[in-house]
C-alpha atoms as a PDB file:
ATOM      1  CA  UNK A   1      64.170  43.381  -8.904  1.00  0.00           C
ATOM      2  CA  UNK A   2      66.382  41.344  -6.543  1.00  0.00           C
ATOM      3  CA  UNK A   3      66.988  42.951  -2.968  1.00  0.00           C
ATOM      4  CA  UNK A   4      70.733  43.852  -2.784  1.00  0.00           C
ATOM      5  CA  UNK A   5      72.827  42.192  -0.054  1.00  0.00           C
ATOM      6  CA  UNK A   6      73.550  44.270   2.983  1.00  0.00           C
ATOM      7  CA  UNK A   7      76.606  44.574   5.109  1.00  0.00           C
ATOM      8  CA  UNK A   8      76.284  44.917   8.676  1.00  0.00           C
ATOM      9  CA  UNK A   9      79.037  45.707  11.127  1.00  0.00           C
ATOM     10  CA  UNK A  10      78.308  43.779  14.452  1.00  0.00           C
ATOM     11  CA  UNK A  11      80.314  44.297  17.621  1.00  0.00           C
ATOM     12  CA  UNK A  12      79.848  41.546  20.203  1.00  0.00           C
ATOM     13  CA  UNK A  13      80.661  41.352  24.009  1.00  0.00           C
ATOM     14  CA  UNK A  14      81.511  38.114  25.740  1.00  0.00           C
ATOM     15  CA  UNK A  15      83.335  36.721  28.656  1.00  0.00           C
ATOM     16  CA  UNK A  16      86.484  34.514  28.016  1.00  0.00           C
ATOM     17  CA  UNK A  17      87.010  31.770  30.376  1.00  0.00           C
ATOM     18  CA  UNK A  18      90.397  30.407  30.852  1.00  0.00           C
ATOM     19  CA  UNK A  19      91.802  27.565  33.106  1.00  0.00           C
ATOM     20  CA  UNK A  20      95.403  27.300  33.869  1.00  0.00           C
ATOM     21  CA  UNK A  21      97.850  24.854  35.482  1.00  0.00           C
ATOM     22  CA  UNK A  22     100.613  27.091  37.313  1.00  0.00           C
ATOM     23  CA  UNK A  23     103.791  25.795  38.854  1.00  0.00           C
ATOM     24  CA  UNK A  24     104.514  28.406  41.657  1.00  0.00           C
ATOM     25  CA  UNK A  25     105.933  28.866  45.135  1.00  0.00           C
ATOM     26  CA  UNK A  26     102.920  30.945  46.371  1.00  0.00           C
ATOM     27  CA  UNK A  27      99.264  31.525  45.355  1.00  0.00           C
ATOM     28  CA  UNK A  28     100.071  35.252  44.525  1.00  0.00           C
ATOM     29  CA  UNK A  29     102.901  34.089  42.279  1.00  0.00           C
ATOM     30  CA  UNK A  30     100.708  31.693  40.544  1.00  0.00           C
ATOM     31  CA  UNK A  31      97.965  34.465  39.851  1.00  0.00           C
ATOM     32  CA  UNK A  32     100.561  36.744  38.633  1.00  0.00           C
ATOM     33  CA  UNK A  33     101.921  34.307  36.161  1.00  0.00           C
ATOM     34  CA  UNK A  34      98.593  34.177  34.432  1.00  0.00           C
ATOM     35  CA  UNK A  35      98.636  37.699  33.546  1.00  0.00           C
ATOM     36  CA  UNK A  36     102.224  37.838  31.910  1.00  0.00           C
ATOM     37  CA  UNK A  37     100.909  37.792  28.400  1.00  0.00           C
ATOM     38  CA  UNK A  38      98.023  38.328  26.260  1.00  0.00           C
ATOM     39  CA  UNK A  39      95.835  35.300  25.257  1.00  0.00           C
ATOM     40  CA  UNK A  40      95.860  36.381  21.497  1.00  0.00           C
ATOM     41  CA  UNK A  41      99.715  36.075  21.832  1.00  0.00           C
ATOM     42  CA  UNK A  42      99.343  32.431  23.361  1.00  0.00           C
ATOM     43  CA  UNK A  43     103.055  32.396  24.661  1.00  0.00           C
ATOM     44  CA  UNK A  44     102.861  31.985  28.428  1.00  0.00           C
ATOM     45  CA  UNK A  45     105.651  31.554  30.720  1.00  0.00           C
ATOM     46  CA  UNK A  46     107.057  28.061  30.887  1.00  0.00           C
ATOM     47  CA  UNK A  47     105.389  27.582  34.301  1.00  0.00           C
ATOM     48  CA  UNK A  48     101.998  28.266  32.910  1.00  0.00           C
ATOM     49  CA  UNK A  49      99.792  25.854  30.767  1.00  0.00           C
ATOM     50  CA  UNK A  50      96.539  27.066  29.548  1.00  0.00           C
ATOM     51  CA  UNK A  51      94.369  23.757  29.730  1.00  0.00           C
ATOM     52  CA  UNK A  52      90.805  25.318  29.068  1.00  0.00           C
ATOM     53  CA  UNK A  53      89.504  28.209  26.899  1.00  0.00           C
ATOM     54  CA  UNK A  54      85.855  29.064  26.118  1.00  0.00           C
ATOM     55  CA  UNK A  55      83.461  31.910  25.805  1.00  0.00           C
ATOM     56  CA  UNK A  56      80.583  32.729  27.950  1.00  0.00           C
ATOM     57  CA  UNK A  57      77.665  35.418  27.856  1.00  0.00           C
ATOM     58  CA  UNK A  58      78.054  36.480  24.285  1.00  0.00           C
ATOM     59  CA  UNK A  59      75.870  39.471  23.445  1.00  0.00           C
ATOM     60  CA  UNK A  60      75.466  42.097  20.778  1.00  0.00           C
ATOM     61  CA  UNK A  61      77.245  45.307  21.959  1.00  0.00           C
ATOM     62  CA  UNK A  62      76.139  47.352  18.796  1.00  0.00           C
ATOM     63  CA  UNK A  63      75.176  46.642  15.408  1.00  0.00           C
ATOM     64  CA  UNK A  64      74.631  49.031  12.385  1.00  0.00           C
ATOM     65  CA  UNK A  65      74.151  48.910   8.686  1.00  0.00           C
ATOM     66  CA  UNK A  66      77.365  49.444   7.102  1.00  0.00           C
ATOM     67  CA  UNK A  67      77.098  48.848   3.325  1.00  0.00           C
ATOM     68  CA  UNK A  68      74.753  48.006   0.169  1.00  0.00           C
ATOM     69  CA  UNK A  69      75.906  45.766  -2.445  1.00  0.00           C
ATOM     70  CA  UNK A  70      76.634  47.861  -5.496  1.00  0.00           C
ATOM     71  CA  UNK A  71      77.656  46.935  -9.138  1.00  0.00           C
ATOM     72  CA  UNK A  72      80.829  47.350 -10.702  1.00  0.00           C
ATOM     73  CA  UNK A  73      79.677  50.295 -12.671  1.00  0.00           C
ATOM     74  CA  UNK A  74      79.941  52.226  -9.227  1.00  0.00           C
ATOM     75  CA  UNK A  75      83.706  51.638  -9.068  1.00  0.00           C
ATOM     76  CA  UNK A  76      85.576  54.801  -8.048  1.00  0.00           C
ATOM     77  CA  UNK A  77      82.417  56.835  -7.370  1.00  0.00           C
ATOM     78  CA  UNK A  78      80.386  55.382  -4.605  1.00  0.00           C
ATOM     79  CA  UNK A  79      82.150  52.400  -3.644  1.00  0.00           C
ATOM     80  CA  UNK A  80      83.536  52.079  -0.004  1.00  0.00           C
ATOM     81  CA  UNK A  81      86.653  50.091   1.062  1.00  0.00           C
ATOM     82  CA  UNK A  82      85.792  47.110   3.317  1.00  0.00           C
ATOM     83  CA  UNK A  83      87.537  44.241   4.522  1.00  0.00           C
ATOM     84  CA  UNK A  84      84.845  42.157   3.274  1.00  0.00           C
ATOM     85  CA  UNK A  85      84.728  40.714  -0.162  1.00  0.00           C
ATOM     86  CA  UNK A  86      82.627  42.354  -2.807  1.00  0.00           C
ATOM     87  CA  UNK A  87      81.641  45.872  -3.774  1.00  0.00           C
ATOM     88  CA  UNK A  88      79.800  48.144  -1.261  1.00  0.00           C
ATOM     89  CA  UNK A  89      78.333  51.604  -1.141  1.00  0.00           C
ATOM     90  CA  UNK A  90      77.294  53.697   1.841  1.00  0.00           C
ATOM     91  CA  UNK A  91      73.667  53.233   2.684  1.00  0.00           C
ATOM     92  CA  UNK A  92      71.278  56.122   2.072  1.00  0.00           C
ATOM     93  CA  UNK A  93      69.474  57.794   5.001  1.00  0.00           C
ATOM     94  CA  UNK A  94      66.151  55.839   3.905  1.00  0.00           C
ATOM     95  CA  UNK A  95      67.999  52.459   3.871  1.00  0.00           C
ATOM     96  CA  UNK A  96      69.438  53.293   7.325  1.00  0.00           C
ATOM     97  CA  UNK A  97      65.928  54.424   8.692  1.00  0.00           C
ATOM     98  CA  UNK A  98      64.070  51.212   7.121  1.00  0.00           C
ATOM     99  CA  UNK A  99      66.667  48.999   8.862  1.00  0.00           C
ATOM    100  CA  UNK A 100      66.303  50.524  12.154  1.00  0.00           C
ATOM    101  CA  UNK A 101      62.595  50.224  11.932  1.00  0.00           C
ATOM    102  CA  UNK A 102      62.636  46.583  11.192  1.00  0.00           C
END
């Protein structure tokens, strides 16, 4: 029998490093301008240009077994909704315990 695929939910923590070029009258104004939007939006003020972005110190914050692949026969019974493609069911206590040991 084939071993079913497993779905894990992994949360990472990292530090994002950004470098900006800012046109401003004072250092305080330059520092303040870098916080006027969120990086995900990428819509900085016209006097701010992000010239570099990278991540550093990536680590695992937490990880847990989230789902076990299941067959189409389980649709509507045991399957859970996930963002991931495929059909998944909740892991049993035994499956959770065996994953914690490994």
